[in-house]
Amino acid sequence: MDFHATNLEHLSRDECMRLLASVPVGRIVYTRQALPAVALVNFALLDGDILIRADAEDELAAATRDAVVAFEADRLDTARQAGWSVTVVGHSRAVTGHEELQDAERIGLTPWVPLQQDQYIRVSPAIVHGRRLSGT
């Protein structure tokens, strides 16, 4: 792929968060047995944080509680060689407070995988980086 500097745009934090809100699926990167692991998850934004659901007994839920994680989402048009990618690094934690759980429930984040997804995990962005590639 031929990249021209004028085709690559670095995005502001606000634009990155707007783009994240426009897609339903991303990838969370966490540590499992001291190695990086990646999981495809559906998500929503809640007050500027990334909210995902997991089974409380699942490795993902266990590994992302009180940890530093990365999160990535994108949208690509391969025919036009265009799209964007946003990466977030932040602290994850289990949602436990009554009011916070009510806020999470109101969003209506429905799991795509038919498991018992009874744990909300919230990622608070500390570092947000995004790029957009213009089509050819």
C-alpha atoms as a PDB file:
ATOM      1  CA  MET A   1       0.000   0.000   0.000  1.00  0.00           C
ATOM      2  CA  ASP A   2       1.404   3.393  -0.948  1.00  0.00           C
ATOM      3  CA  PHE A   3       1.094   5.874   1.919  1.00  0.00           C
ATOM      4  CA  HIS A   4       1.333   9.592   1.279  1.00  0.00           C
ATOM      5  CA  ALA A   5       1.832  11.875   4.281  1.00  0.00           C
ATOM      6  CA  THR A   6      -1.065  14.068   3.165  1.00  0.00           C
ATOM      7  CA  ASN A   7      -3.442  11.073   3.295  1.00  0.00           C
ATOM      8  CA  LEU A   8      -2.798  10.374   6.986  1.00  0.00           C
ATOM      9  CA  GLU A   9      -4.497  12.575   9.569  1.00  0.00           C
ATOM     10  CA  HIS A  10      -3.859  12.417  13.316  1.00  0.00           C
ATOM     11  CA  LEU A  11      -7.140  12.859  15.182  1.00  0.00           C
ATOM     12  CA  SER A  12      -7.988  14.893  18.256  1.00  0.00           C
ATOM     13  CA  ARG A  13      -9.208  13.180  21.414  1.00  0.00           C
ATOM     14  CA  ASP A  14     -12.739  14.532  20.823  1.00  0.00           C
ATOM     15  CA  GLU A  15     -12.806  13.181  17.261  1.00  0.00           C
ATOM     16  CA  CYS A  16     -11.464   9.820  18.462  1.00  0.00           C
ATOM     17  CA  MET A  17     -14.235   9.518  21.042  1.00  0.00           C
ATOM     18  CA  ARG A  18     -16.856  10.548  18.472  1.00  0.00           C
ATOM     19  CA  LEU A  19     -15.615   7.843  16.110  1.00  0.00           C
ATOM     20  CA  LEU A  20     -15.580   5.221  18.872  1.00  0.00           C
ATOM     21  CA  ALA A  21     -19.224   6.029  19.578  1.00  0.00           C
ATOM     22  CA  SER A  22     -20.062   5.322  15.923  1.00  0.00           C
ATOM     23  CA  VAL A  23     -19.138   1.616  15.942  1.00  0.00           C
ATOM     24  CA  PRO A  24     -20.456  -1.239  18.099  1.00  0.00           C
ATOM     25  CA  VAL A  25     -17.420  -3.545  18.154  1.00  0.00           C
ATOM     26  CA  GLY A  26     -13.801  -3.191  19.227  1.00  0.00           C
ATOM     27  CA  ARG A  27     -10.878  -5.190  20.591  1.00  0.00           C
ATOM     28  CA  ILE A  28      -9.689  -5.145  24.173  1.00  0.00           C
ATOM     29  CA  VAL A  29      -6.061  -6.044  24.834  1.00  0.00           C
ATOM     30  CA  TYR A  30      -5.285  -7.342  28.302  1.00  0.00           C
ATOM     31  CA  THR A  31      -2.772  -9.584  30.055  1.00  0.00           C
ATOM     32  CA  ARG A  32      -3.447 -13.299  30.461  1.00  0.00           C
ATOM     33  CA  GLN A  33      -0.776 -15.473  32.087  1.00  0.00           C
ATOM     34  CA  ALA A  34       1.778 -12.652  31.625  1.00  0.00           C
ATOM     35  CA  LEU A  35       1.148 -12.510  27.859  1.00  0.00           C
ATOM     36  CA  PRO A  36      -0.955 -10.143  25.756  1.00  0.00           C
ATOM     37  CA  ALA A  37      -4.435 -11.378  24.884  1.00  0.00           C
ATOM     38  CA  VAL A  38      -7.017  -9.813  22.592  1.00  0.00           C
ATOM     39  CA  ALA A  39     -10.785 -10.215  22.702  1.00  0.00           C
ATOM     40  CA  LEU A  40     -13.379  -8.953  20.267  1.00  0.00           C
ATOM     41  CA  VAL A  41     -16.181  -7.270  22.239  1.00  0.00           C
ATOM     42  CA  ASN A  42     -19.223  -5.159  21.644  1.00  0.00           C
ATOM     43  CA  PHE A  43     -19.176  -1.985  23.692  1.00  0.00           C
ATOM     44  CA  ALA A  44     -20.758   1.369  24.402  1.00  0.00           C
ATOM     45  CA  LEU A  45     -19.541   4.661  25.809  1.00  0.00           C
ATOM     46  CA  LEU A  46     -20.649   5.855  29.226  1.00  0.00           C
ATOM     47  CA  ASP A  47     -19.611   9.362  30.263  1.00  0.00           C
ATOM     48  CA  GLY A  48     -16.463   9.143  28.134  1.00  0.00           C
ATOM     49  CA  ASP A  49     -15.516   5.657  29.351  1.00  0.00           C
ATOM     50  CA  ILE A  50     -15.668   2.392  27.417  1.00  0.00           C
ATOM     51  CA  LEU A  51     -18.194  -0.070  28.812  1.00  0.00           C
ATOM     52  CA  ILE A  52     -18.147  -3.777  27.989  1.00  0.00           C
ATOM     53  CA  ARG A  53     -19.906  -6.808  29.431  1.00  0.00           C
ATOM     54  CA  ALA A  54     -18.325 -10.093  30.404  1.00  0.00           C
ATOM     55  CA  ASP A  55     -19.122 -13.206  32.338  1.00  0.00           C
ATOM     56  CA  ALA A  56     -17.849 -12.593  35.867  1.00  0.00           C
ATOM     57  CA  GLU A  57     -16.180 -16.025  35.782  1.00  0.00           C
ATOM     58  CA  ASP A  58     -14.537 -15.447  32.389  1.00  0.00           C
ATOM     59  CA  GLU A  59     -10.787 -14.871  31.944  1.00  0.00           C
ATOM     60  CA  LEU A  60     -11.515 -11.518  30.311  1.00  0.00           C
ATOM     61  CA  ALA A  61     -13.401 -10.216  33.337  1.00  0.00           C
ATOM     62  CA  ALA A  62     -10.808 -11.507  35.759  1.00  0.00           C
ATOM     63  CA  ALA A  63      -7.878 -10.149  33.767  1.00  0.00           C
ATOM     64  CA  THR A  64      -9.322  -6.693  33.202  1.00  0.00           C
ATOM     65  CA  ARG A  65     -10.342  -5.813  36.752  1.00  0.00           C
ATOM     66  CA  ASP A  66      -8.059  -3.111  38.102  1.00  0.00           C
ATOM     67  CA  ALA A  67      -5.609  -3.434  35.224  1.00  0.00           C
ATOM     68  CA  VAL A  68      -4.148  -1.289  32.504  1.00  0.00           C
ATOM     69  CA  VAL A  69      -5.621  -2.342  29.160  1.00  0.00           C
ATOM     70  CA  ALA A  70      -5.687  -1.178  25.579  1.00  0.00           C
ATOM     71  CA  PHE A  71      -8.796  -0.874  23.448  1.00  0.00           C
ATOM     72  CA  GLU A  72      -8.980  -0.468  19.682  1.00  0.00           C
ATOM     73  CA  ALA A  73     -11.799   0.104  17.225  1.00  0.00           C
ATOM     74  CA  ASP A  74     -11.767   0.998  13.565  1.00  0.00           C
ATOM     75  CA  ARG A  75     -13.739   1.319  10.393  1.00  0.00           C
ATOM     76  CA  LEU A  76     -12.144   0.446   7.070  1.00  0.00           C
ATOM     77  CA  ASP A  77     -13.033   0.684   3.404  1.00  0.00           C
ATOM     78  CA  THR A  78     -10.548  -1.637   1.732  1.00  0.00           C
ATOM     79  CA  ALA A  79     -11.724  -0.794  -1.782  1.00  0.00           C
ATOM     80  CA  ARG A  80     -10.900   2.901  -1.265  1.00  0.00           C
ATOM     81  CA  GLN A  81      -7.940   2.231   1.060  1.00  0.00           C
ATOM     82  CA  ALA A  82      -9.556   4.551   3.578  1.00  0.00           C
ATOM     83  CA  GLY A  83     -10.663   4.407   7.162  1.00  0.00           C
ATOM     84  CA  TRP A  84      -9.784   5.233  10.707  1.00  0.00           C
ATOM     85  CA  SER A  85      -8.394   3.547  13.779  1.00  0.00           C
ATOM     86  CA  VAL A  86      -8.580   4.664  17.412  1.00  0.00           C
ATOM     87  CA  THR A  87      -6.512   3.195  20.240  1.00  0.00           C
ATOM     88  CA  VAL A  88      -7.181   3.866  23.913  1.00  0.00           C
ATOM     89  CA  VAL A  89      -4.992   2.927  26.863  1.00  0.00           C
ATOM     90  CA  GLY A  90      -6.533   3.169  30.284  1.00  0.00           C
ATOM     91  CA  HIS A  91      -7.367   1.638  33.620  1.00  0.00           C
ATOM     92  CA  SER A  92     -10.139  -0.953  33.748  1.00  0.00           C
ATOM     93  CA  ARG A  93     -12.329  -1.805  36.684  1.00  0.00           C
ATOM     94  CA  ALA A  94     -15.462  -3.733  37.476  1.00  0.00           C
ATOM     95  CA  VAL A  95     -18.618  -1.644  37.759  1.00  0.00           C
ATOM     96  CA  THR A  96     -19.954  -2.297  41.244  1.00  0.00           C
ATOM     97  CA  GLY A  97     -21.754   0.725  42.716  1.00  0.00           C
ATOM     98  CA  HIS A  98     -25.561   0.688  42.645  1.00  0.00           C
ATOM     99  CA  GLU A  99     -25.903   4.031  40.835  1.00  0.00           C
ATOM    100  CA  GLU A 100     -23.154   3.193  38.360  1.00  0.00           C
ATOM    101  CA  LEU A 101     -24.756  -0.191  37.633  1.00  0.00           C
ATOM    102  CA  GLN A 102     -28.086   1.552  36.977  1.00  0.00           C
ATOM    103  CA  ASP A 103     -26.341   3.928  34.541  1.00  0.00           C
ATOM    104  CA  ALA A 104     -24.747   0.958  32.780  1.00  0.00           C
ATOM    105  CA  GLU A 105     -28.076  -0.876  32.543  1.00  0.00           C
ATOM    106  CA  ARG A 106     -29.776   2.204  31.041  1.00  0.00           C
ATOM    107  CA  ILE A 107     -27.358   2.175  28.112  1.00  0.00           C
ATOM    108  CA  GLY A 108     -28.813  -1.152  27.001  1.00  0.00           C
ATOM    109  CA  LEU A 109     -25.533  -2.829  26.048  1.00  0.00           C
ATOM    110  CA  THR A 110     -26.752  -6.209  24.842  1.00  0.00           C
ATOM    111  CA  PRO A 111     -24.176  -9.007  24.662  1.00  0.00           C
ATOM    112  CA  TRP A 112     -23.679 -10.537  21.238  1.00  0.00           C
ATOM    113  CA  VAL A 113     -22.478 -13.815  22.738  1.00  0.00           C
ATOM    114  CA  PRO A 114     -25.225 -15.774  24.527  1.00  0.00           C
ATOM    115  CA  LEU A 115     -23.321 -16.309  27.773  1.00  0.00           C
ATOM    116  CA  GLN A 116     -24.082 -15.109  31.253  1.00  0.00           C
ATOM    117  CA  GLN A 117     -22.563 -11.658  30.855  1.00  0.00           C
ATOM    118  CA  ASP A 118     -23.339 -10.291  34.282  1.00  0.00           C
ATOM    119  CA  GLN A 119     -20.242  -8.149  34.828  1.00  0.00           C
ATOM    120  CA  TYR A 120     -19.705  -4.676  33.443  1.00  0.00           C
ATOM    121  CA  ILE A 121     -16.128  -3.577  32.905  1.00  0.00           C
ATOM    122  CA  ARG A 122     -15.376   0.106  32.545  1.00  0.00           C
ATOM    123  CA  VAL A 123     -12.216   1.415  30.871  1.00  0.00           C
ATOM    124  CA  SER A 124     -11.291   5.025  31.641  1.00  0.00           C
ATOM    125  CA  PRO A 125      -9.174   6.415  28.790  1.00  0.00           C
ATOM    126  CA  ALA A 126      -5.835   7.911  29.811  1.00  0.00           C
ATOM    127  CA  ILE A 127      -4.151   7.905  26.394  1.00  0.00           C
ATOM    128  CA  VAL A 128      -6.230   8.282  23.231  1.00  0.00           C
ATOM    129  CA  HIS A 129      -4.663   8.109  19.785  1.00  0.00           C
ATOM    130  CA  GLY A 130      -6.355   8.035  16.415  1.00  0.00           C
ATOM    131  CA  ARG A 131      -5.537   8.223  12.739  1.00  0.00           C
ATOM    132  CA  ARG A 132      -7.624   8.558   9.608  1.00  0.00           C
ATOM    133  CA  LEU A 133      -6.416   7.488   6.196  1.00  0.00           C
ATOM    134  CA  SER A 134      -8.007   9.266   3.239  1.00  0.00           C
ATOM    135  CA  GLY A 135      -8.959   7.183   0.243  1.00  0.00           C
ATOM    136  CA  THR A 136      -7.066   7.045  -2.996  1.00  0.00           C
END
